[in-house]
Amino acid sequence: MRVAGIGFRAQAPLAALREAVAALGDGIDALATSEDKAAQPQARALAAALGLPLLAIPARCLASQSTPTRSPRVQALYGTGSLAEAAALAACGTGARLLTPRRLSCDRTASAALAEGADP
């Protein structure tokens, strides 16, 4: 299973999320983000537009993920360095590996990362 983790600012337009995910290429099976972000209209609209399930990852699962990208803001909010990377890894389960580290939209309001693992 290949999961695109997404992170975004509250004001991020849907186009920014689409741009960040598009930078990951094809073959994505699902989207994942934090529980609070999964409730946002941009995340739901992106999942619907791409025809992918949207997985809401609990904060405790995000905080347990080690990520190569480090954002002090994300660290303070979620206990991990990159929401996109942590969500992708957590959604893929034990033994997941990051295929593509965090990619940012041009306006820097959205990010996406790709992980692969055996667990849905």
Protein backbone atom coordinates (compact mmCIF):
# COMPACT_ATOMS: atom_id res chain seq x y z
CA MET A 1 0.00 0.00 0.00
CA ARG A 2 1.24 3.47 -0.91
CA VAL A 3 -0.09 6.38 1.14
CA ALA A 4 0.34 10.10 0.57
CA GLY A 5 0.50 11.96 3.86
CA ILE A 6 -0.69 15.55 3.69
CA GLY A 7 -0.23 18.59 5.86
CA PHE A 8 -1.55 22.07 5.24
CA ARG A 9 -2.25 25.45 6.77
CA ALA A 10 -5.85 26.42 7.56
CA GLN A 11 -5.97 28.89 4.65
CA ALA A 12 -4.48 26.50 2.09
CA PRO A 13 -6.53 26.31 -1.10
CA LEU A 14 -7.48 22.95 -2.56
CA ALA A 15 -5.17 23.70 -5.50
CA ALA A 16 -2.16 23.76 -3.16
CA LEU A 17 -3.01 20.33 -1.75
CA ARG A 18 -3.50 18.95 -5.27
CA GLU A 19 -0.14 20.40 -6.35
CA ALA A 20 1.72 18.85 -3.39
CA VAL A 21 0.17 15.42 -3.96
CA ALA A 22 0.73 15.59 -7.72
CA ALA A 23 4.46 16.05 -7.05
CA LEU A 24 4.49 12.51 -5.63
CA GLY A 25 3.50 10.86 -8.90
CA ASP A 26 1.00 8.07 -9.54
CA GLY A 27 0.16 4.87 -7.71
CA ILE A 28 -1.28 6.35 -4.51
CA ASP A 29 -3.78 4.13 -2.68
CA ALA A 30 -4.90 6.51 0.08
CA LEU A 31 -4.39 9.90 1.69
CA ALA A 32 -3.57 10.36 5.39
CA THR A 33 -3.37 13.30 7.75
CA SER A 34 -4.01 14.18 11.38
CA GLU A 35 -7.51 13.78 12.78
CA ASP A 36 -7.98 17.54 13.00
CA LYS A 37 -6.85 18.13 9.41
CA ALA A 38 -8.98 15.23 8.09
CA ALA A 39 -12.07 17.14 9.21
CA GLN A 40 -11.14 20.19 7.11
CA PRO A 41 -12.99 20.80 3.82
CA GLN A 42 -9.78 20.93 1.74
CA ALA A 43 -8.75 17.43 2.82
CA ARG A 44 -12.21 15.97 2.21
CA ALA A 45 -12.44 17.72 -1.18
CA LEU A 46 -9.01 16.43 -2.21
CA ALA A 47 -9.90 12.84 -1.31
CA ALA A 48 -13.19 13.11 -3.22
CA ALA A 49 -11.50 14.67 -6.28
CA LEU A 50 -8.85 11.94 -6.37
CA GLY A 51 -11.26 9.13 -5.50
CA LEU A 52 -9.08 8.05 -2.56
CA PRO A 53 -9.88 7.17 1.04
CA LEU A 54 -8.81 9.76 3.62
CA LEU A 55 -7.28 8.22 6.75
CA ALA A 56 -7.42 10.26 9.97
CA ILE A 57 -4.34 9.48 12.08
CA PRO A 58 -4.52 9.97 15.87
CA ALA A 59 -2.02 12.40 17.39
CA ARG A 60 -0.34 9.66 19.46
CA CYS A 61 0.46 7.72 16.28
CA LEU A 62 1.92 10.80 14.60
CA ALA A 63 4.12 11.59 17.60
CA SER A 64 5.69 8.13 17.48
CA GLN A 65 7.01 8.64 13.92
CA SER A 66 10.57 9.73 13.22
CA THR A 67 10.80 11.92 10.12
CA PRO A 68 13.77 13.21 8.13
CA THR A 69 12.19 16.66 7.78
CA ARG A 70 12.08 18.86 10.90
CA SER A 71 9.66 21.76 11.36
CA PRO A 72 9.65 23.40 14.80
CA ARG A 73 6.01 24.46 14.28
CA VAL A 74 4.87 20.93 13.41
CA GLN A 75 6.99 19.50 16.25
CA ALA A 76 5.19 21.76 18.73
CA LEU A 77 1.74 20.91 17.34
CA TYR A 78 2.06 17.19 16.61
CA GLY A 79 5.20 15.91 18.33
CA THR A 80 6.89 14.99 15.06
CA GLY A 81 8.99 16.84 12.50
CA SER A 82 6.68 16.60 9.47
CA LEU A 83 2.95 16.00 9.51
CA ALA A 84 2.93 14.76 5.92
CA GLU A 85 5.76 12.27 6.48
CA ALA A 86 4.47 11.08 9.86
CA ALA A 87 0.91 10.59 8.57
CA ALA A 88 2.11 8.60 5.55
CA LEU A 89 4.34 6.38 7.69
CA ALA A 90 1.73 5.84 10.42
CA ALA A 91 -0.94 4.94 7.87
CA CYS A 92 1.31 2.29 6.31
CA GLY A 93 1.99 0.59 9.65
CA THR A 94 4.95 -1.24 11.08
CA GLY A 95 7.86 -1.54 8.68
CA ALA A 96 6.71 1.37 6.50
CA ARG A 97 9.33 3.23 4.54
CA LEU A 98 9.30 6.75 3.20
CA LEU A 99 9.53 6.77 -0.60
CA THR A 100 9.34 10.53 -1.10
CA PRO A 101 10.04 13.03 1.68
CA ARG A 102 7.89 16.10 2.13
CA ARG A 103 7.16 18.13 -0.99
CA LEU A 104 5.76 21.66 -0.65
CA SER A 105 3.26 23.47 -2.83
CA CYS A 106 4.62 26.60 -4.52
CA ASP A 107 2.74 28.82 -2.08
CA ARG A 108 4.14 26.76 0.84
CA THR A 109 0.67 26.21 2.38
CA ALA A 110 0.51 22.46 1.73
CA SER A 111 2.88 19.51 1.87
CA ALA A 112 2.75 15.86 0.88
CA ALA A 113 4.98 12.82 1.37
CA LEU A 114 4.73 9.25 0.12
CA ALA A 115 5.26 6.07 2.15
CA GLU A 116 4.87 2.40 1.39
CA GLY A 117 3.99 -0.48 3.66
CA ALA A 118 2.05 -3.70 3.94
CA ASP A 119 -0.68 -2.47 6.32
CA PRO A 120 -3.75 -0.55 5.16
